Amino acid sequence: MRVMYYTPIKLLILVVVLLAAGCSHTLSPTAHSAVDLPGGYKEFLRDPEAATGRSLMLAGFIVSHKVSRDGTVLTLRPYTMDKRGVPRSPVKGAGELLARSDRILNPAHFSSGHLVTLTATYAGREPRAVADQQFGRPLFKIGEIHWWPKEPHYPYGYRYPYRIY
């Protein structure tokens, strides 16, 4: 009789644990709690100078990947993200940003065309001169980073396998 009583309770506990694991964030709780600007890139754009030295969570599309002795620099196009940190759509009119890591990131994973979610600290602007005019892209120092694999492309209207040709 005791076996019948404990089995449903164990099953219920297992289901609750599995459901709770499905709702977790993509980055670690330590990285998530270190974020100072919870509004992400949109909040950063309101007042970039006030964000110097502060940490925020970013999502982006990798435009380029450069490796040097000092580490890796990723050029990102910022994306909006959902509450779990999954990149959703590009931020309109945001331009590009630079994310620098002290370690060398795997070029196979962090090549152009992939999406990433990361925590980063704003370090200022990267100075750049174009046509005698100074401007710069925002420069961030990467804390923790999560790589998203490319989604497979399914062309529209692919044939149903059981169709008579």
Protein backbone atom coordinates (compact mmCIF):
# COMPACT_ATOMS: atom_id res chain seq x y z
CA MET A 1 0.00 0.00 0.00
CA ARG A 2 2.85 2.36 0.78
CA VAL A 3 4.35 1.95 -2.70
CA MET A 4 1.14 3.12 -4.36
CA TYR A 5 1.02 6.20 -2.14
CA TYR A 6 4.59 7.40 -2.75
CA THR A 7 4.76 6.75 -6.50
CA PRO A 8 2.30 9.52 -7.52
CA ILE A 9 4.05 11.98 -5.21
CA LYS A 10 7.45 11.16 -6.72
CA LEU A 11 5.98 11.51 -10.20
CA LEU A 12 4.46 14.87 -9.30
CA ILE A 13 7.78 16.13 -7.92
CA LEU A 14 9.57 15.00 -11.09
CA VAL A 15 7.06 16.83 -13.32
CA VAL A 16 7.35 20.04 -11.27
CA VAL A 17 11.17 19.95 -11.44
CA LEU A 18 11.13 19.39 -15.21
CA LEU A 19 8.64 22.22 -15.76
CA ALA A 20 10.69 24.58 -13.61
CA ALA A 21 13.85 23.71 -15.56
CA GLY A 22 12.11 24.66 -18.81
CA CYS A 23 11.53 28.20 -17.55
CA SER A 24 15.17 28.97 -16.80
CA HIS A 25 17.14 31.84 -18.31
CA THR A 26 19.86 31.32 -20.91
CA LEU A 27 22.54 32.95 -18.74
CA SER A 28 23.59 31.96 -15.23
CA PRO A 29 21.82 33.48 -12.21
CA THR A 30 25.11 35.16 -11.19
CA ALA A 31 25.40 36.95 -14.53
CA HIS A 32 21.71 37.81 -14.50
CA SER A 33 21.90 39.36 -11.02
CA ALA A 34 24.96 41.48 -11.99
CA VAL A 35 22.92 43.47 -14.54
CA ASP A 36 22.56 47.18 -13.59
CA LEU A 37 20.44 48.32 -16.56
CA PRO A 38 17.46 45.94 -16.73
CA GLY A 39 16.00 47.71 -19.78
CA GLY A 40 18.74 46.37 -22.06
CA TYR A 41 19.96 48.17 -25.16
CA LYS A 42 16.92 50.44 -25.49
CA GLU A 43 17.53 51.86 -22.01
CA PHE A 44 21.23 52.25 -22.87
CA LEU A 45 20.34 54.31 -25.98
CA ARG A 46 18.43 56.88 -23.90
CA ASP A 47 21.60 58.03 -22.08
CA PRO A 48 24.80 56.23 -23.15
CA GLU A 49 27.17 58.41 -21.10
CA ALA A 50 25.33 57.62 -17.85
CA ALA A 51 25.77 53.90 -18.58
CA THR A 52 29.60 53.99 -18.47
CA GLY A 53 30.82 51.20 -16.22
CA ARG A 54 27.35 49.73 -15.81
CA SER A 55 26.36 46.21 -16.82
CA LEU A 56 23.46 45.28 -19.10
CA MET A 57 22.08 42.30 -20.96
CA LEU A 58 22.33 42.35 -24.75
CA ALA A 59 21.22 40.17 -27.63
CA GLY A 60 22.64 40.56 -31.11
CA PHE A 61 23.41 39.25 -34.56
CA ILE A 62 27.13 38.75 -35.22
CA VAL A 63 28.24 40.84 -38.20
CA SER A 64 31.98 40.16 -37.87
CA HIS A 65 34.45 38.34 -35.63
CA LYS A 66 38.07 39.46 -35.17
CA VAL A 67 40.67 37.58 -33.13
CA SER A 68 43.87 39.19 -31.84
CA ARG A 69 46.40 38.53 -29.07
CA ASP A 70 44.27 40.57 -26.68
CA GLY A 71 41.14 38.46 -27.26
CA THR A 72 38.13 38.64 -29.54
CA VAL A 73 36.08 41.56 -30.82
CA LEU A 74 32.56 40.88 -32.08
CA THR A 75 30.66 43.42 -34.16
CA LEU A 76 26.98 43.01 -33.32
CA ARG A 77 23.69 44.31 -34.63
CA PRO A 78 21.53 44.66 -31.47
CA TYR A 79 18.34 42.60 -31.14
CA THR A 80 15.40 42.74 -28.77
CA MET A 81 14.96 39.70 -26.55
CA ASP A 82 12.22 37.97 -24.63
CA LYS A 83 12.16 37.43 -20.86
CA ARG A 84 14.35 34.30 -21.16
CA GLY A 85 17.04 36.15 -23.17
CA VAL A 86 16.23 34.66 -26.58
CA PRO A 87 16.94 37.16 -29.43
CA ARG A 88 13.74 38.13 -31.28
CA SER A 89 14.05 41.05 -33.73
CA PRO A 90 16.56 43.80 -34.65
CA VAL A 91 16.45 47.08 -32.73
CA LYS A 92 15.38 49.68 -35.31
CA GLY A 93 17.92 52.45 -36.00
CA ALA A 94 20.46 51.13 -33.49
CA GLY A 95 23.45 50.69 -35.80
CA GLU A 96 26.25 48.40 -34.66
CA LEU A 97 28.10 47.85 -31.41
CA LEU A 98 31.39 46.22 -30.46
CA ALA A 99 31.72 43.52 -27.81
CA ARG A 100 35.25 42.69 -26.64
CA SER A 101 36.29 39.56 -24.76
CA ASP A 102 39.65 38.93 -23.09
CA ARG A 103 39.56 35.30 -24.16
CA ILE A 104 39.57 33.90 -27.67
CA LEU A 105 36.06 32.83 -28.66
CA ASN A 106 35.61 29.83 -30.96
CA PRO A 107 35.44 31.16 -34.55
CA ALA A 108 33.24 28.23 -35.60
CA HIS A 109 30.54 29.23 -33.10
CA PHE A 110 30.96 32.99 -33.05
CA SER A 111 31.20 33.58 -36.81
CA SER A 112 29.02 36.03 -38.70
CA GLY A 113 25.38 35.05 -39.05
CA HIS A 114 24.86 33.67 -35.53
CA LEU A 115 22.82 35.14 -32.69
CA VAL A 116 24.19 35.64 -29.16
CA THR A 117 22.91 36.71 -25.76
CA LEU A 118 25.43 38.27 -23.38
CA THR A 119 26.00 40.39 -20.33
CA ALA A 120 28.40 43.25 -20.91
CA THR A 121 29.80 46.35 -19.24
CA TYR A 122 29.79 49.59 -21.23
CA ALA A 123 33.37 50.84 -21.70
CA GLY A 124 32.80 53.94 -23.86
CA ARG A 125 32.96 54.59 -27.58
CA GLU A 126 35.44 53.24 -30.09
CA PRO A 127 36.89 56.37 -31.77
CA ARG A 128 36.62 56.41 -35.54
CA ALA A 129 37.06 59.10 -38.20
CA VAL A 130 35.08 59.07 -41.43
CA ALA A 131 35.33 61.98 -43.89
CA ASP A 132 36.98 64.24 -41.28
CA GLN A 133 34.14 63.64 -38.84
CA GLN A 134 34.57 61.82 -35.54
CA PHE A 135 32.09 59.22 -34.45
CA GLY A 136 32.24 55.89 -32.71
CA ARG A 137 30.41 52.69 -32.01
CA PRO A 138 29.59 51.68 -28.43
CA LEU A 139 32.21 49.34 -26.95
CA PHE A 140 31.24 46.70 -24.38
CA LYS A 141 33.34 44.27 -22.34
CA ILE A 142 31.77 40.79 -22.39
CA GLY A 143 30.95 39.17 -19.06
CA GLU A 144 29.08 35.97 -19.97
CA ILE A 145 27.96 34.95 -23.46
CA HIS A 146 25.52 32.38 -24.85
CA TRP A 147 25.70 31.25 -28.49
CA TRP A 148 22.55 30.35 -30.46
CA PRO A 149 22.87 27.88 -33.37
CA LYS A 150 21.49 28.87 -36.77
CA GLU A 151 17.94 27.78 -37.45
CA PRO A 152 17.53 25.55 -40.52
CA HIS A 153 15.95 27.13 -43.59
CA TYR A 154 12.75 25.50 -44.81
CA PRO A 155 11.81 26.91 -48.23
CA TYR A 156 8.20 27.82 -48.78
CA GLY A 157 6.13 25.23 -50.56
CA TYR A 158 8.36 22.20 -50.23
CA ARG A 159 6.60 19.09 -51.49
CA TYR A 160 4.59 16.79 -49.33
CA PRO A 161 6.33 13.39 -49.36
CA TYR A 162 3.24 11.35 -50.25
CA ARG A 163 2.07 13.43 -53.20
CA ILE A 164 1.57 11.64 -56.51
CA TYR A 165 3.75 13.39 -59.09
